[in-house]
Amino acid sequence: MESNKLHVYERAVQRQQTAQATLLAKRRADATARRSHGEEQSVSDDLASHPAFKPIVKPPRLDSLLVTNQMAAYLQQVNQFSGQSFISLFLMQSLNASHQ
């Protein structure tokens, strides 16, 4: 779930960068065309208000970090307890084998 959110965010950022580059190229071409026709450049165009330049909110990563650390703690405990059980099991098997 968290990796899906991050993947969607990365795709949105790539789409936004492509849209920004396309928009800037179009504006440059329009400005060049205006200059060649002797017209004044349009000053009223504000790129900051264009939707392609609005920041995309990053997905929160704290939840996935907490879940990952909690899983690591549980796995460490399982490893510790299973290791002790296997030691006891192998010890009992070796004692039974030596008595027979």
C-alpha atoms as a PDB file:
ATOM      1  CA  MET A   1       0.000   0.000   0.000  1.00  0.00           C
ATOM      2  CA  GLU A   2       2.716   2.478   0.991  1.00  0.00           C
ATOM      3  CA  SER A   3       4.920   1.550  -1.958  1.00  0.00           C
ATOM      4  CA  ASN A   4       1.937   2.056  -4.270  1.00  0.00           C
ATOM      5  CA  LYS A   5       1.443   5.588  -2.907  1.00  0.00           C
ATOM      6  CA  LEU A   6       5.120   6.347  -3.462  1.00  0.00           C
ATOM      7  CA  HIS A   7       4.965   4.949  -7.006  1.00  0.00           C
ATOM      8  CA  VAL A   8       1.893   7.074  -7.822  1.00  0.00           C
ATOM      9  CA  TYR A   9       3.683  10.154  -6.437  1.00  0.00           C
ATOM     10  CA  GLU A  10       6.781   9.490  -8.567  1.00  0.00           C
ATOM     11  CA  ARG A  11       4.657   9.091 -11.709  1.00  0.00           C
ATOM     12  CA  ALA A  12       2.813  12.338 -10.915  1.00  0.00           C
ATOM     13  CA  VAL A  13       6.120  14.176 -10.504  1.00  0.00           C
ATOM     14  CA  GLN A  14       7.334  12.845 -13.862  1.00  0.00           C
ATOM     15  CA  ARG A  15       4.089  13.894 -15.561  1.00  0.00           C
ATOM     16  CA  GLN A  16       4.359  17.335 -13.968  1.00  0.00           C
ATOM     17  CA  GLN A  17       7.955  17.781 -15.141  1.00  0.00           C
ATOM     18  CA  THR A  18       6.931  16.804 -18.663  1.00  0.00           C
ATOM     19  CA  ALA A  19       4.009  19.251 -18.583  1.00  0.00           C
ATOM     20  CA  GLN A  20       6.293  22.016 -17.301  1.00  0.00           C
ATOM     21  CA  ALA A  21       8.842  21.414 -20.051  1.00  0.00           C
ATOM     22  CA  THR A  22       6.102  21.368 -22.699  1.00  0.00           C
ATOM     23  CA  LEU A  23       4.555  24.570 -21.372  1.00  0.00           C
ATOM     24  CA  LEU A  24       7.894  26.381 -21.222  1.00  0.00           C
ATOM     25  CA  ALA A  25       8.762  25.291 -24.774  1.00  0.00           C
ATOM     26  CA  LYS A  26       5.377  26.517 -26.010  1.00  0.00           C
ATOM     27  CA  ARG A  27       5.850  29.868 -24.232  1.00  0.00           C
ATOM     28  CA  ARG A  28       9.313  30.277 -25.753  1.00  0.00           C
ATOM     29  CA  ALA A  29       7.959  29.499 -29.224  1.00  0.00           C
ATOM     30  CA  ASP A  30       5.121  31.996 -28.743  1.00  0.00           C
ATOM     31  CA  ALA A  31       7.565  34.657 -27.564  1.00  0.00           C
ATOM     32  CA  THR A  32       9.800  34.027 -30.578  1.00  0.00           C
ATOM     33  CA  ALA A  33       6.793  34.283 -32.905  1.00  0.00           C
ATOM     34  CA  ARG A  34       5.714  37.562 -31.279  1.00  0.00           C
ATOM     35  CA  ARG A  35       9.195  39.013 -31.610  1.00  0.00           C
ATOM     36  CA  SER A  36       9.391  38.030 -35.272  1.00  0.00           C
ATOM     37  CA  HIS A  37       6.050  39.791 -35.928  1.00  0.00           C
ATOM     38  CA  GLY A  38       7.166  42.860 -33.985  1.00  0.00           C
ATOM     39  CA  GLU A  39       4.642  42.438 -31.175  1.00  0.00           C
ATOM     40  CA  GLU A  40       5.341  43.041 -27.498  1.00  0.00           C
ATOM     41  CA  GLN A  41       5.801  40.128 -25.167  1.00  0.00           C
ATOM     42  CA  SER A  42       2.912  39.214 -22.905  1.00  0.00           C
ATOM     43  CA  VAL A  43       3.810  40.146 -19.324  1.00  0.00           C
ATOM     44  CA  SER A  44       0.492  39.038 -17.809  1.00  0.00           C
ATOM     45  CA  ASP A  45       1.343  35.330 -18.005  1.00  0.00           C
ATOM     46  CA  ASP A  46       2.228  34.125 -14.534  1.00  0.00           C
ATOM     47  CA  LEU A  47       3.689  30.625 -14.453  1.00  0.00           C
ATOM     48  CA  ALA A  48       3.307  30.274 -10.680  1.00  0.00           C
ATOM     49  CA  SER A  49      -0.479  30.211 -10.979  1.00  0.00           C
ATOM     50  CA  HIS A  50      -0.441  27.541 -13.700  1.00  0.00           C
ATOM     51  CA  PRO A  51      -1.485  24.060 -12.446  1.00  0.00           C
ATOM     52  CA  ALA A  52       1.654  22.494 -13.931  1.00  0.00           C
ATOM     53  CA  PHE A  53       3.778  24.457 -11.469  1.00  0.00           C
ATOM     54  CA  LYS A  54       1.864  23.703  -8.282  1.00  0.00           C
ATOM     55  CA  PRO A  55       3.822  21.428  -5.906  1.00  0.00           C
ATOM     56  CA  ILE A  56       2.718  17.833  -5.509  1.00  0.00           C
ATOM     57  CA  VAL A  57       2.352  16.686  -1.905  1.00  0.00           C
ATOM     58  CA  LYS A  58       4.695  13.856  -0.959  1.00  0.00           C
ATOM     59  CA  PRO A  59       3.073  10.805   0.621  1.00  0.00           C
ATOM     60  CA  PRO A  60       3.837  10.330   4.325  1.00  0.00           C
ATOM     61  CA  ARG A  61       6.627   7.816   4.930  1.00  0.00           C
ATOM     62  CA  LEU A  62       6.389   7.656   8.724  1.00  0.00           C
ATOM     63  CA  ASP A  63       3.776   4.884   8.748  1.00  0.00           C
ATOM     64  CA  SER A  64       5.858   2.573   6.569  1.00  0.00           C
ATOM     65  CA  LEU A  65       8.957   3.308   8.650  1.00  0.00           C
ATOM     66  CA  LEU A  66       7.124   2.412  11.867  1.00  0.00           C
ATOM     67  CA  VAL A  67       5.713  -0.795  10.377  1.00  0.00           C
ATOM     68  CA  THR A  68       9.134  -1.799   9.063  1.00  0.00           C
ATOM     69  CA  ASN A  69      10.801  -1.239  12.428  1.00  0.00           C
ATOM     70  CA  GLN A  70       8.037  -3.119  14.244  1.00  0.00           C
ATOM     71  CA  MET A  71       8.399  -6.080  11.873  1.00  0.00           C
ATOM     72  CA  ALA A  72      12.168  -6.052  12.386  1.00  0.00           C
ATOM     73  CA  ALA A  73      11.687  -6.183  16.168  1.00  0.00           C
ATOM     74  CA  TYR A  74       9.212  -9.082  15.890  1.00  0.00           C
ATOM     75  CA  LEU A  75      11.499 -11.013  13.559  1.00  0.00           C
ATOM     76  CA  GLN A  76      14.428 -10.514  15.887  1.00  0.00           C
ATOM     77  CA  GLN A  77      12.370 -11.930  18.775  1.00  0.00           C
ATOM     78  CA  VAL A  78      11.221 -14.888  16.678  1.00  0.00           C
ATOM     79  CA  ASN A  79      14.808 -15.567  15.674  1.00  0.00           C
ATOM     80  CA  GLN A  80      15.973 -15.394  19.281  1.00  0.00           C
ATOM     81  CA  PHE A  81      13.273 -17.742  20.620  1.00  0.00           C
ATOM     82  CA  SER A  82      13.443 -20.188  17.725  1.00  0.00           C
ATOM     83  CA  GLY A  83      17.232 -20.313  18.058  1.00  0.00           C
ATOM     84  CA  GLN A  84      16.915 -21.324  21.719  1.00  0.00           C
ATOM     85  CA  SER A  85      14.307 -23.959  20.833  1.00  0.00           C
ATOM     86  CA  PHE A  86      16.493 -25.454  18.115  1.00  0.00           C
ATOM     87  CA  ILE A  87      19.446 -25.635  20.503  1.00  0.00           C
ATOM     88  CA  SER A  88      17.295 -27.516  23.021  1.00  0.00           C
ATOM     89  CA  LEU A  89      15.936 -29.817  20.310  1.00  0.00           C
ATOM     90  CA  PHE A  90      19.377 -30.713  18.925  1.00  0.00           C
ATOM     91  CA  LEU A  91      20.729 -31.225  22.443  1.00  0.00           C
ATOM     92  CA  MET A  92      17.898 -33.625  23.284  1.00  0.00           C
ATOM     93  CA  GLN A  93      18.378 -35.492  20.013  1.00  0.00           C
ATOM     94  CA  SER A  94      22.089 -35.914  20.637  1.00  0.00           C
ATOM     95  CA  LEU A  95      21.438 -37.114  24.203  1.00  0.00           C
ATOM     96  CA  ASN A  96      18.854 -39.653  22.974  1.00  0.00           C
ATOM     97  CA  ALA A  97      21.232 -40.857  20.256  1.00  0.00           C
ATOM     98  CA  SER A  98      24.089 -41.333  22.735  1.00  0.00           C
ATOM     99  CA  HIS A  99      21.864 -43.375  25.135  1.00  0.00           C
ATOM    100  CA  GLN A 100      20.690 -45.766  22.427  1.00  0.00           C
END
